[in-house]
Amino acid sequence: MTTHVLFSPRRPPAQTAKQDPKSHTVDLMKYVEEASAADLFEVKASRLALQRSQDPAIRRFAQQMVSEHTDSANRLKMELEEAKVEVKPPTALDAEKQAMLDKLMNVAWKTSTRCT
């Protein structure tokens, strides 16, 4: 059986193969900050949905988001501790994500759970 790989991080496409490998490095502090902020926002927004919605499908999805993003945040913290990296994930939303959450908090929910 033949397996065809269209793209793999280990085997970049031909057009990117000649790029400087250093251009793909990630600033650890920036990654931790952005990943943690995304997890935190998703947890808070999903908890808001759990508070406001009675729709079983929405509640299941919101609970799944809370669980997955809480697990993601915990795994990141554990990996940082194990690697003895002195980077602390943020514990509060940045202004942009807080504004997005504030907008969600001010949305009126109808009994059909559609936002107005």
PDB file of N, CA and C in Angstrom:
ATOM      1  N   MET A   1       0.851  -1.175   0.000  1.00  0.00           N
ATOM      2  CA  MET A   1       0.000   0.000   0.000  1.00  0.00           C
ATOM      3  C   MET A   1       0.894   1.235   0.000  1.00  0.00           C
ATOM      4  N   THR A   2       0.611   2.194  -0.867  1.00  0.00           N
ATOM      5  CA  THR A   2       1.406   3.403  -0.977  1.00  0.00           C
ATOM      6  C   THR A   2       0.708   4.546  -0.264  1.00  0.00           C
ATOM      7  N   THR A   3       1.454   5.280   0.537  1.00  0.00           N
ATOM      8  CA  THR A   3       0.909   6.443   1.226  1.00  0.00           C
ATOM      9  C   THR A   3       1.496   7.683   0.592  1.00  0.00           C
ATOM     10  N   HIS A   4       0.643   8.610   0.234  1.00  0.00           N
ATOM     11  CA  HIS A   4       1.091   9.862  -0.361  1.00  0.00           C
ATOM     12  C   HIS A   4       0.980  10.962   0.671  1.00  0.00           C
ATOM     13  N   VAL A   5       2.049  11.698   0.864  1.00  0.00           N
ATOM     14  CA  VAL A   5       2.057  12.796   1.819  1.00  0.00           C
ATOM     15  C   VAL A   5       2.055  14.096   1.041  1.00  0.00           C
ATOM     16  N   LEU A   6       0.985  14.870   1.193  1.00  0.00           N
ATOM     17  CA  LEU A   6       0.912  16.156   0.507  1.00  0.00           C
ATOM     18  C   LEU A   6       1.690  17.224   1.251  1.00  0.00           C
ATOM     19  N   PHE A   7       1.616  17.194   2.556  1.00  0.00           N
ATOM     20  CA  PHE A   7       2.351  18.159   3.367  1.00  0.00           C
ATOM     21  C   PHE A   7       2.614  17.548   4.722  1.00  0.00           C
ATOM     22  N   SER A   8       3.790  17.747   5.194  1.00  0.00           N
ATOM     23  CA  SER A   8       4.166  17.278   6.517  1.00  0.00           C
ATOM     24  C   SER A   8       5.141  18.281   7.104  1.00  0.00           C
ATOM     25  N   PRO A   9       5.009  18.625   8.388  1.00  0.00           N
ATOM     26  CA  PRO A   9       5.966  19.551   8.990  1.00  0.00           C
ATOM     27  C   PRO A   9       7.401  19.063   8.861  1.00  0.00           C
ATOM     28  N   ARG A  10       7.577  17.759   8.776  1.00  0.00           N
ATOM     29  CA  ARG A  10       8.922  17.207   8.642  1.00  0.00           C
ATOM     30  C   ARG A  10       9.416  17.262   7.202  1.00  0.00           C
ATOM     31  N   ARG A  11       8.502  17.390   6.288  1.00  0.00           N
ATOM     32  CA  ARG A  11       8.847  17.407   4.873  1.00  0.00           C
ATOM     33  C   ARG A  11       8.116  18.570   4.210  1.00  0.00           C
ATOM     34  N   PRO A  12       8.682  19.773   4.287  1.00  0.00           N
ATOM     35  CA  PRO A  12       7.994  20.944   3.767  1.00  0.00           C
ATOM     36  C   PRO A  12       7.805  20.877   2.259  1.00  0.00           C
ATOM     37  N   PRO A  13       6.800  21.572   1.742  1.00  0.00           N
ATOM     38  CA  PRO A  13       6.599  21.613   0.299  1.00  0.00           C
ATOM     39  C   PRO A  13       7.835  22.179  -0.388  1.00  0.00           C
ATOM     40  N   ALA A  14       8.010  21.831  -1.638  1.00  0.00           N
ATOM     41  CA  ALA A  14       9.202  22.231  -2.391  1.00  0.00           C
ATOM     42  C   ALA A  14       9.428  23.734  -2.397  1.00  0.00           C
ATOM     43  N   GLN A  15       8.348  24.529  -2.503  1.00  0.00           N
ATOM     44  CA  GLN A  15       8.531  25.972  -2.580  1.00  0.00           C
ATOM     45  C   GLN A  15       9.033  26.585  -1.269  1.00  0.00           C
ATOM     46  N   THR A  16       8.898  25.894  -0.144  1.00  0.00           N
ATOM     47  CA  THR A  16       9.388  26.446   1.112  1.00  0.00           C
ATOM     48  C   THR A  16      10.673  25.763   1.590  1.00  0.00           C
ATOM     49  N   ALA A  17      11.101  24.759   0.870  1.00  0.00           N
ATOM     50  CA  ALA A  17      12.263  23.986   1.301  1.00  0.00           C
ATOM     51  C   ALA A  17      13.537  24.821   1.379  1.00  0.00           C
ATOM     52  N   LYS A  18      13.658  25.878   0.593  1.00  0.00           N
ATOM     53  CA  LYS A  18      14.874  26.683   0.571  1.00  0.00           C
ATOM     54  C   LYS A  18      14.845  27.846   1.551  1.00  0.00           C
ATOM     55  N   GLN A  19      13.755  28.008   2.301  1.00  0.00           N
ATOM     56  CA  GLN A  19      13.676  29.094   3.266  1.00  0.00           C
ATOM     57  C   GLN A  19      14.637  28.861   4.416  1.00  0.00           C
ATOM     58  N   ASP A  20      15.029  29.938   5.043  1.00  0.00           N
ATOM     59  CA  ASP A  20      15.898  29.871   6.210  1.00  0.00           C
ATOM     60  C   ASP A  20      15.161  29.164   7.341  1.00  0.00           C
ATOM     61  N   PRO A  21      15.705  28.073   7.889  1.00  0.00           N
ATOM     62  CA  PRO A  21      15.027  27.363   8.975  1.00  0.00           C
ATOM     63  C   PRO A  21      14.766  28.240  10.193  1.00  0.00           C
ATOM     64  N   LYS A  22      15.584  29.257  10.402  1.00  0.00           N
ATOM     65  CA  LYS A  22      15.392  30.134  11.551  1.00  0.00           C
ATOM     66  C   LYS A  22      14.110  30.953  11.428  1.00  0.00           C
ATOM     67  N   SER A  23      13.606  31.110  10.207  1.00  0.00           N
ATOM     68  CA  SER A  23      12.380  31.887  10.025  1.00  0.00           C
ATOM     69  C   SER A  23      11.163  31.167  10.597  1.00  0.00           C
ATOM     70  N   HIS A  24      11.303  29.910  10.945  1.00  0.00           N
ATOM     71  CA  HIS A  24      10.194  29.127  11.488  1.00  0.00           C
ATOM     72  C   HIS A  24      10.251  29.008  13.006  1.00  0.00           C
ATOM     73  N   THR A  25      11.201  29.652  13.622  1.00  0.00           N
ATOM     74  CA  THR A  25      11.280  29.569  15.073  1.00  0.00           C
ATOM     75  C   THR A  25      10.159  30.382  15.700  1.00  0.00           C
ATOM     76  N   VAL A  26       9.763  29.978  16.886  1.00  0.00           N
ATOM     77  CA  VAL A  26       8.669  30.622  17.591  1.00  0.00           C
ATOM     78  C   VAL A  26       9.202  31.220  18.888  1.00  0.00           C
ATOM     79  N   ASP A  27       8.816  32.438  19.158  1.00  0.00           N
ATOM     80  CA  ASP A  27       9.157  33.083  20.419  1.00  0.00           C
ATOM     81  C   ASP A  27       8.335  32.395  21.507  1.00  0.00           C
ATOM     82  N   LEU A  28       9.001  31.719  22.425  1.00  0.00           N
ATOM     83  CA  LEU A  28       8.316  30.938  23.461  1.00  0.00           C
ATOM     84  C   LEU A  28       7.375  31.803  24.290  1.00  0.00           C
ATOM     85  N   MET A  29       7.836  32.963  24.684  1.00  0.00           N
ATOM     86  CA  MET A  29       7.002  33.853  25.503  1.00  0.00           C
ATOM     87  C   MET A  29       5.727  34.231  24.750  1.00  0.00           C
ATOM     88  N   LYS A  30       5.877  34.562  23.468  1.00  0.00           N
ATOM     89  CA  LYS A  30       4.714  34.945  22.655  1.00  0.00           C
ATOM     90  C   LYS A  30       3.758  33.761  22.502  1.00  0.00           C
ATOM     91  N   TYR A  31       4.315  32.570  22.260  1.00  0.00           N
ATOM     92  CA  TYR A  31       3.477  31.391  22.120  1.00  0.00           C
ATOM     93  C   TYR A  31       2.682  31.114  23.391  1.00  0.00           C
ATOM     94  N   VAL A  32       3.370  31.130  24.528  1.00  0.00           N
ATOM     95  CA  VAL A  32       2.712  30.859  25.808  1.00  0.00           C
ATOM     96  C   VAL A  32       1.618  31.896  26.054  1.00  0.00           C
ATOM     97  N   GLU A  33       1.926  33.147  25.804  1.00  0.00           N
ATOM     98  CA  GLU A  33       0.955  34.221  26.019  1.00  0.00           C
ATOM     99  C   GLU A  33      -0.271  34.052  25.128  1.00  0.00           C
ATOM    100  N   GLU A  34      -0.056  33.798  23.846  1.00  0.00           N
ATOM    101  CA  GLU A  34      -1.180  33.676  22.907  1.00  0.00           C
ATOM    102  C   GLU A  34      -1.990  32.402  23.128  1.00  0.00           C
ATOM    103  N   ALA A  35      -1.311  31.291  23.357  1.00  0.00           N
ATOM    104  CA  ALA A  35      -2.028  30.028  23.583  1.00  0.00           C
ATOM    105  C   ALA A  35      -2.827  30.095  24.884  1.00  0.00           C
ATOM    106  N   SER A  36      -2.218  30.646  25.918  1.00  0.00           N
ATOM    107  CA  SER A  36      -2.905  30.758  27.208  1.00  0.00           C
ATOM    108  C   SER A  36      -4.090  31.704  27.124  1.00  0.00           C
ATOM    109  N   ALA A  37      -3.913  32.815  26.431  1.00  0.00           N
ATOM    110  CA  ALA A  37      -5.008  33.778  26.282  1.00  0.00           C
ATOM    111  C   ALA A  37      -6.167  33.166  25.506  1.00  0.00           C
ATOM    112  N   ALA A  38      -5.849  32.395  24.477  1.00  0.00           N
ATOM    113  CA  ALA A  38      -6.900  31.744  23.691  1.00  0.00           C
ATOM    114  C   ALA A  38      -7.651  30.721  24.544  1.00  0.00           C
ATOM    115  N   ASP A  39      -6.903  29.914  25.309  1.00  0.00           N
ATOM    116  CA  ASP A  39      -7.553  28.942  26.193  1.00  0.00           C
ATOM    117  C   ASP A  39      -8.443  29.642  27.220  1.00  0.00           C
ATOM    118  N   LEU A  40      -7.925  30.687  27.828  1.00  0.00           N
ATOM    119  CA  LEU A  40      -8.673  31.418  28.846  1.00  0.00           C
ATOM    120  C   LEU A  40      -9.958  32.022  28.272  1.00  0.00           C
ATOM    121  N   PHE A  41      -9.854  32.618  27.085  1.00  0.00           N
ATOM    122  CA  PHE A  41     -11.038  33.199  26.453  1.00  0.00           C
ATOM    123  C   PHE A  41     -12.074  32.117  26.151  1.00  0.00           C
ATOM    124  N   GLU A  42     -11.635  31.015  25.573  1.00  0.00           N
ATOM    125  CA  GLU A  42     -12.574  29.944  25.217  1.00  0.00           C
ATOM    126  C   GLU A  42     -13.283  29.389  26.454  1.00  0.00           C
ATOM    127  N   VAL A  43     -12.563  29.241  27.547  1.00  0.00           N
ATOM    128  CA  VAL A  43     -13.173  28.746  28.788  1.00  0.00           C
ATOM    129  C   VAL A  43     -14.213  29.745  29.294  1.00  0.00           C
ATOM    130  N   LYS A  44     -13.853  31.020  29.352  1.00  0.00           N
ATOM    131  CA  LYS A  44     -14.784  32.027  29.864  1.00  0.00           C
ATOM    132  C   LYS A  44     -16.014  32.178  28.967  1.00  0.00           C
ATOM    133  N   ALA A  45     -15.804  32.208  27.660  1.00  0.00           N
ATOM    134  CA  ALA A  45     -16.930  32.336  26.729  1.00  0.00           C
ATOM    135  C   ALA A  45     -17.835  31.106  26.804  1.00  0.00           C
ATOM    136  N   SER A  46     -17.241  29.948  26.939  1.00  0.00           N
ATOM    137  CA  SER A  46     -18.035  28.718  27.018  1.00  0.00           C
ATOM    138  C   SER A  46     -18.799  28.629  28.329  1.00  0.00           C
ATOM    139  N   ARG A  47     -18.196  29.098  29.403  1.00  0.00           N
ATOM    140  CA  ARG A  47     -18.928  29.126  30.683  1.00  0.00           C
ATOM    141  C   ARG A  47     -20.112  30.080  30.604  1.00  0.00           C
ATOM    142  N   LEU A  48     -19.949  31.166  29.876  1.00  0.00           N
ATOM    143  CA  LEU A  48     -21.056  32.097  29.668  1.00  0.00           C
ATOM    144  C   LEU A  48     -22.190  31.397  28.912  1.00  0.00           C
ATOM    145  N   ALA A  49     -21.839  30.633  27.890  1.00  0.00           N
ATOM    146  CA  ALA A  49     -22.852  29.887  27.135  1.00  0.00           C
ATOM    147  C   ALA A  49     -23.554  28.877  28.044  1.00  0.00           C
ATOM    148  N   LEU A  50     -22.803  28.241  28.927  1.00  0.00           N
ATOM    149  CA  LEU A  50     -23.416  27.288  29.863  1.00  0.00           C
ATOM    150  C   LEU A  50     -24.388  27.987  30.815  1.00  0.00           C
ATOM    151  N   GLN A  51     -24.063  29.194  31.216  1.00  0.00           N
ATOM    152  CA  GLN A  51     -24.940  29.944  32.110  1.00  0.00           C
ATOM    153  C   GLN A  51     -26.226  30.376  31.418  1.00  0.00           C
ATOM    154  N   ARG A  52     -26.120  30.714  30.138  1.00  0.00           N
ATOM    155  CA  ARG A  52     -27.248  31.338  29.449  1.00  0.00           C
ATOM    156  C   ARG A  52     -28.105  30.401  28.620  1.00  0.00           C
ATOM    157  N   SER A  53     -27.542  29.352  28.106  1.00  0.00           N
ATOM    158  CA  SER A  53     -28.288  28.499  27.184  1.00  0.00           C
ATOM    159  C   SER A  53     -28.901  27.296  27.883  1.00  0.00           C
ATOM    160  N   GLN A  54     -30.079  26.936  27.420  1.00  0.00           N
ATOM    161  CA  GLN A  54     -30.737  25.718  27.875  1.00  0.00           C
ATOM    162  C   GLN A  54     -30.717  24.657  26.783  1.00  0.00           C
ATOM    163  N   ASP A  55     -30.226  25.026  25.592  1.00  0.00           N
ATOM    164  CA  ASP A  55     -30.173  24.108  24.456  1.00  0.00           C
ATOM    165  C   ASP A  55     -29.134  23.014  24.747  1.00  0.00           C
ATOM    166  N   PRO A  56     -29.551  21.748  24.745  1.00  0.00           N
ATOM    167  CA  PRO A  56     -28.621  20.661  25.075  1.00  0.00           C
ATOM    168  C   PRO A  56     -27.394  20.598  24.159  1.00  0.00           C
ATOM    169  N   ALA A  57     -27.562  20.872  22.871  1.00  0.00           N
ATOM    170  CA  ALA A  57     -26.431  20.817  21.939  1.00  0.00           C
ATOM    171  C   ALA A  57     -25.422  21.919  22.241  1.00  0.00           C
ATOM    172  N   ILE A  58     -25.915  23.112  22.523  1.00  0.00           N
ATOM    173  CA  ILE A  58     -25.025  24.224  22.857  1.00  0.00           C
ATOM    174  C   ILE A  58     -24.320  23.936  24.172  1.00  0.00           C
ATOM    175  N   ARG A  59     -25.048  23.422  25.127  1.00  0.00           N
ATOM    176  CA  ARG A  59     -24.455  23.130  26.435  1.00  0.00           C
ATOM    177  C   ARG A  59     -23.383  22.032  26.325  1.00  0.00           C
ATOM    178  N   ARG A  60     -23.647  20.995  25.506  1.00  0.00           N
ATOM    179  CA  ARG A  60     -22.654  19.931  25.301  1.00  0.00           C
ATOM    180  C   ARG A  60     -21.386  20.501  24.671  1.00  0.00           C
ATOM    181  N   PHE A  61     -21.563  21.330  23.632  1.00  0.00           N
ATOM    182  CA  PHE A  61     -20.408  21.915  22.959  1.00  0.00           C
ATOM    183  C   PHE A  61     -19.643  22.842  23.903  1.00  0.00           C
ATOM    184  N   ALA A  62     -20.366  23.657  24.648  1.00  0.00           N
ATOM    185  CA  ALA A  62     -19.715  24.570  25.591  1.00  0.00           C
ATOM    186  C   ALA A  62     -18.943  23.790  26.648  1.00  0.00           C
ATOM    187  N   GLN A  63     -19.521  22.712  27.159  1.00  0.00           N
ATOM    188  CA  GLN A  63     -18.829  21.897  28.158  1.00  0.00           C
ATOM    189  C   GLN A  63     -17.587  21.250  27.557  1.00  0.00           C
ATOM    190  N   GLN A  64     -17.693  20.800  26.312  1.00  0.00           N
ATOM    191  CA  GLN A  64     -16.540  20.223  25.626  1.00  0.00           C
ATOM    192  C   GLN A  64     -15.430  21.264  25.487  1.00  0.00           C
ATOM    193  N   MET A  65     -15.796  22.500  25.141  1.00  0.00           N
ATOM    194  CA  MET A  65     -14.811  23.580  25.010  1.00  0.00           C
ATOM    195  C   MET A  65     -14.147  23.868  26.351  1.00  0.00           C
ATOM    196  N   VAL A  66     -14.929  23.922  27.412  1.00  0.00           N
ATOM    197  CA  VAL A  66     -14.357  24.156  28.749  1.00  0.00           C
ATOM    198  C   VAL A  66     -13.362  23.048  29.081  1.00  0.00           C
ATOM    199  N   SER A  67     -13.761  21.809  28.877  1.00  0.00           N
ATOM    200  CA  SER A  67     -12.891  20.669  29.203  1.00  0.00           C
ATOM    201  C   SER A  67     -11.609  20.675  28.371  1.00  0.00           C
ATOM    202  N   GLU A  68     -11.747  20.836  27.060  1.00  0.00           N
ATOM    203  CA  GLU A  68     -10.576  20.767  26.187  1.00  0.00           C
ATOM    204  C   GLU A  68      -9.607  21.929  26.420  1.00  0.00           C
ATOM    205  N   HIS A  69     -10.129  23.133  26.602  1.00  0.00           N
ATOM    206  CA  HIS A  69      -9.244  24.278  26.787  1.00  0.00           C
ATOM    207  C   HIS A  69      -8.645  24.317  28.198  1.00  0.00           C
ATOM    208  N   THR A  70      -9.361  23.772  29.176  1.00  0.00           N
ATOM    209  CA  THR A  70      -8.783  23.639  30.518  1.00  0.00           C
ATOM    210  C   THR A  70      -7.647  22.620  30.480  1.00  0.00           C
ATOM    211  N   ASP A  71      -7.885  21.506  29.795  1.00  0.00           N
ATOM    212  CA  ASP A  71      -6.833  20.493  29.642  1.00  0.00           C
ATOM    213  C   ASP A  71      -5.626  21.063  28.902  1.00  0.00           C
ATOM    214  N   SER A  72      -5.872  21.824  27.855  1.00  0.00           N
ATOM    215  CA  SER A  72      -4.786  22.430  27.079  1.00  0.00           C
ATOM    216  C   SER A  72      -3.949  23.356  27.956  1.00  0.00           C
ATOM    217  N   ALA A  73      -4.610  24.197  28.731  1.00  0.00           N
ATOM    218  CA  ALA A  73      -3.898  25.134  29.614  1.00  0.00           C
ATOM    219  C   ALA A  73      -3.093  24.367  30.666  1.00  0.00           C
ATOM    220  N   ASN A  74      -3.674  23.316  31.219  1.00  0.00           N
ATOM    221  CA  ASN A  74      -2.970  22.522  32.235  1.00  0.00           C
ATOM    222  C   ASN A  74      -1.761  21.794  31.644  1.00  0.00           C
ATOM    223  N   ARG A  75      -1.920  21.275  30.417  1.00  0.00           N
ATOM    224  CA  ARG A  75      -0.783  20.601  29.766  1.00  0.00           C
ATOM    225  C   ARG A  75       0.349  21.582  29.496  1.00  0.00           C
ATOM    226  N   LEU A  76       0.018  22.785  29.055  1.00  0.00           N
ATOM    227  CA  LEU A  76       1.046  23.790  28.796  1.00  0.00           C
ATOM    228  C   LEU A  76       1.793  24.133  30.082  1.00  0.00           C
ATOM    229  N   LYS A  77       1.054  24.348  31.163  1.00  0.00           N
ATOM    230  CA  LYS A  77       1.697  24.645  32.453  1.00  0.00           C
ATOM    231  C   LYS A  77       2.618  23.506  32.886  1.00  0.00           C
ATOM    232  N   MET A  78       2.150  22.275  32.724  1.00  0.00           N
ATOM    233  CA  MET A  78       2.939  21.114  33.101  1.00  0.00           C
ATOM    234  C   MET A  78       4.216  21.020  32.254  1.00  0.00           C
ATOM    235  N   GLU A  79       4.089  21.235  30.953  1.00  0.00           N
ATOM    236  CA  GLU A  79       5.253  21.170  30.065  1.00  0.00           C
ATOM    237  C   GLU A  79       6.272  22.251  30.431  1.00  0.00           C
ATOM    238  N   LEU A  80       5.787  23.444  30.746  1.00  0.00           N
ATOM    239  CA  LEU A  80       6.697  24.527  31.136  1.00  0.00           C
ATOM    240  C   LEU A  80       7.428  24.186  32.429  1.00  0.00           C
ATOM    241  N   GLU A  81       6.701  23.617  33.388  1.00  0.00           N
ATOM    242  CA  GLU A  81       7.317  23.225  34.659  1.00  0.00           C
ATOM    243  C   GLU A  81       8.357  22.119  34.455  1.00  0.00           C
ATOM    244  N   GLU A  82       7.981  21.103  33.664  1.00  0.00           N
ATOM    245  CA  GLU A  82       8.899  19.993  33.417  1.00  0.00           C
ATOM    246  C   GLU A  82      10.166  20.450  32.693  1.00  0.00           C
ATOM    247  N   ALA A  83      10.013  21.416  31.795  1.00  0.00           N
ATOM    248  CA  ALA A  83      11.162  21.923  31.046  1.00  0.00           C
ATOM    249  C   ALA A  83      11.932  22.976  31.851  1.00  0.00           C
ATOM    250  N   LYS A  84      11.417  23.277  33.036  1.00  0.00           N
ATOM    251  CA  LYS A  84      12.026  24.295  33.904  1.00  0.00           C
ATOM    252  C   LYS A  84      12.159  25.640  33.188  1.00  0.00           C
ATOM    253  N   VAL A  85      11.091  25.979  32.472  1.00  0.00           N
ATOM    254  CA  VAL A  85      11.032  27.254  31.749  1.00  0.00           C
ATOM    255  C   VAL A  85      10.335  28.261  32.637  1.00  0.00           C
ATOM    256  N   GLU A  86      10.941  29.395  32.813  1.00  0.00           N
ATOM    257  CA  GLU A  86      10.418  30.437  33.704  1.00  0.00           C
ATOM    258  C   GLU A  86       9.478  31.389  32.956  1.00  0.00           C
ATOM    259  N   VAL A  87       8.491  30.844  32.297  1.00  0.00           N
ATOM    260  CA  VAL A  87       7.496  31.658  31.600  1.00  0.00           C
ATOM    261  C   VAL A  87       6.154  31.374  32.253  1.00  0.00           C
ATOM    262  N   LYS A  88       5.498  32.407  32.729  1.00  0.00           N
ATOM    263  CA  LYS A  88       4.204  32.240  33.390  1.00  0.00           C
ATOM    264  C   LYS A  88       3.084  32.617  32.429  1.00  0.00           C
ATOM    265  N   PRO A  89       2.140  31.712  32.211  1.00  0.00           N
ATOM    266  CA  PRO A  89       0.993  32.044  31.373  1.00  0.00           C
ATOM    267  C   PRO A  89       0.159  33.153  32.021  1.00  0.00           C
ATOM    268  N   PRO A  90      -0.462  34.013  31.222  1.00  0.00           N
ATOM    269  CA  PRO A  90      -1.300  35.061  31.792  1.00  0.00           C
ATOM    270  C   PRO A  90      -2.512  34.463  32.509  1.00  0.00           C
ATOM    271  N   THR A  91      -2.964  35.157  33.537  1.00  0.00           N
ATOM    272  CA  THR A  91      -4.127  34.685  34.295  1.00  0.00           C
ATOM    273  C   THR A  91      -5.354  35.557  34.047  1.00  0.00           C
ATOM    274  N   ALA A  92      -5.202  36.581  33.218  1.00  0.00           N
ATOM    275  CA  ALA A  92      -6.311  37.468  32.879  1.00  0.00           C
ATOM    276  C   ALA A  92      -6.309  37.706  31.374  1.00  0.00           C
ATOM    277  N   LEU A  93      -7.470  38.019  30.848  1.00  0.00           N
ATOM    278  CA  LEU A  93      -7.590  38.307  29.421  1.00  0.00           C
ATOM    279  C   LEU A  93      -6.940  39.637  29.081  1.00  0.00           C
ATOM    280  N   ASP A  94      -6.379  39.715  27.872  1.00  0.00           N
ATOM    281  CA  ASP A  94      -5.875  41.004  27.406  1.00  0.00           C
ATOM    282  C   ASP A  94      -7.077  41.879  27.040  1.00  0.00           C
ATOM    283  N   ALA A  95      -6.834  43.131  26.756  1.00  0.00           N
ATOM    284  CA  ALA A  95      -7.922  44.092  26.510  1.00  0.00           C
ATOM    285  C   ALA A  95      -8.810  43.678  25.329  1.00  0.00           C
ATOM    286  N   GLU A  96      -8.190  43.178  24.270  1.00  0.00           N
ATOM    287  CA  GLU A  96      -8.959  42.779  23.086  1.00  0.00           C
ATOM    288  C   GLU A  96      -9.910  41.625  23.393  1.00  0.00           C
ATOM    289  N   LYS A  97      -9.397  40.595  24.046  1.00  0.00           N
ATOM    290  CA  LYS A  97     -10.237  39.432  24.349  1.00  0.00           C
ATOM    291  C   LYS A  97     -11.273  39.761  25.433  1.00  0.00           C
ATOM    292  N   GLN A  98     -10.915  40.636  26.372  1.00  0.00           N
ATOM    293  CA  GLN A  98     -11.883  41.047  27.385  1.00  0.00           C
ATOM    294  C   GLN A  98     -13.019  41.816  26.733  1.00  0.00           C
ATOM    295  N   ALA A  99     -12.704  42.653  25.746  1.00  0.00           N
ATOM    296  CA  ALA A  99     -13.745  43.398  25.023  1.00  0.00           C
ATOM    297  C   ALA A  99     -14.665  42.437  24.267  1.00  0.00           C
ATOM    298  N   MET A 100     -14.083  41.387  23.686  1.00  0.00           N
ATOM    299  CA  MET A 100     -14.906  40.389  22.986  1.00  0.00           C
ATOM    300  C   MET A 100     -15.824  39.674  23.974  1.00  0.00           C
ATOM    301  N   LEU A 101     -15.305  39.328  25.134  1.00  0.00           N
ATOM    302  CA  LEU A 101     -16.118  38.660  26.153  1.00  0.00           C
ATOM    303  C   LEU A 101     -17.208  39.599  26.668  1.00  0.00           C
ATOM    304  N   ASP A 102     -16.868  40.860  26.865  1.00  0.00           N
ATOM    305  CA  ASP A 102     -17.859  41.850  27.306  1.00  0.00           C
ATOM    306  C   ASP A 102     -18.996  41.965  26.304  1.00  0.00           C
ATOM    307  N   LYS A 103     -18.669  41.931  25.008  1.00  0.00           N
ATOM    308  CA  LYS A 103     -19.707  41.975  23.966  1.00  0.00           C
ATOM    309  C   LYS A 103     -20.629  40.766  24.086  1.00  0.00           C
ATOM    310  N   LEU A 104     -20.030  39.594  24.290  1.00  0.00           N
ATOM    311  CA  LEU A 104     -20.836  38.381  24.445  1.00  0.00           C
ATOM    312  C   LEU A 104     -21.743  38.474  25.666  1.00  0.00           C
ATOM    313  N   MET A 105     -21.224  39.065  26.729  1.00  0.00           N
ATOM    314  CA  MET A 105     -22.011  39.191  27.955  1.00  0.00           C
ATOM    315  C   MET A 105     -23.212  40.120  27.766  1.00  0.00           C
ATOM    316  N   ASN A 106     -23.098  41.048  26.821  1.00  0.00           N
ATOM    317  CA  ASN A 106     -24.170  42.008  26.593  1.00  0.00           C
ATOM    318  C   ASN A 106     -25.147  41.589  25.505  1.00  0.00           C
ATOM    319  N   VAL A 107     -24.935  40.407  24.918  1.00  0.00           N
ATOM    320  CA  VAL A 107     -25.833  39.904  23.886  1.00  0.00           C
ATOM    321  C   VAL A 107     -27.095  39.383  24.561  1.00  0.00           C
ATOM    322  N   ALA A 108     -28.247  39.755  24.014  1.00  0.00           N
ATOM    323  CA  ALA A 108     -29.514  39.248  24.544  1.00  0.00           C
ATOM    324  C   ALA A 108     -29.769  37.857  23.968  1.00  0.00           C
ATOM    325  N   TRP A 109     -30.090  36.911  24.823  1.00  0.00           N
ATOM    326  CA  TRP A 109     -30.352  35.545  24.375  1.00  0.00           C
ATOM    327  C   TRP A 109     -31.853  35.322  24.353  1.00  0.00           C
ATOM    328  N   LYS A 110     -32.349  34.877  23.206  1.00  0.00           N
ATOM    329  CA  LYS A 110     -33.760  34.514  23.108  1.00  0.00           C
ATOM    330  C   LYS A 110     -33.916  33.079  23.607  1.00  0.00           C
ATOM    331  N   THR A 111     -35.142  32.672  23.839  1.00  0.00           N
ATOM    332  CA  THR A 111     -35.374  31.308  24.290  1.00  0.00           C
ATOM    333  C   THR A 111     -34.934  30.287  23.243  1.00  0.00           C
ATOM    334  N   SER A 112     -34.866  30.706  21.965  1.00  0.00           N
ATOM    335  CA  SER A 112     -34.402  29.796  20.914  1.00  0.00           C
ATOM    336  C   SER A 112     -32.877  29.667  20.916  1.00  0.00           C
ATOM    337  N   THR A 113     -32.216  30.429  21.766  1.00  0.00           N
ATOM    338  CA  THR A 113     -30.758  30.498  21.921  1.00  0.00           C
ATOM    339  C   THR A 113     -30.052  31.180  20.767  1.00  0.00           C
ATOM    340  N   ARG A 114     -30.801  31.800  19.858  1.00  0.00           N
ATOM    341  CA  ARG A 114     -30.144  32.587  18.816  1.00  0.00           C
ATOM    342  C   ARG A 114     -29.883  33.977  19.355  1.00  0.00           C
ATOM    343  N   CYS A 115     -28.720  34.499  19.036  1.00  0.00           N
ATOM    344  CA  CYS A 115     -28.368  35.834  19.511  1.00  0.00           C
ATOM    345  C   CYS A 115     -29.077  36.894  18.676  1.00  0.00           C
ATOM    346  N   THR A 116     -29.456  37.999  19.340  1.00  0.00           N
ATOM    347  CA  THR A 116     -30.098  39.086  18.587  1.00  0.00           C
ATOM    348  C   THR A 116     -29.139  40.219  18.404  1.00  0.00           C
TER     349      THR A 116
END
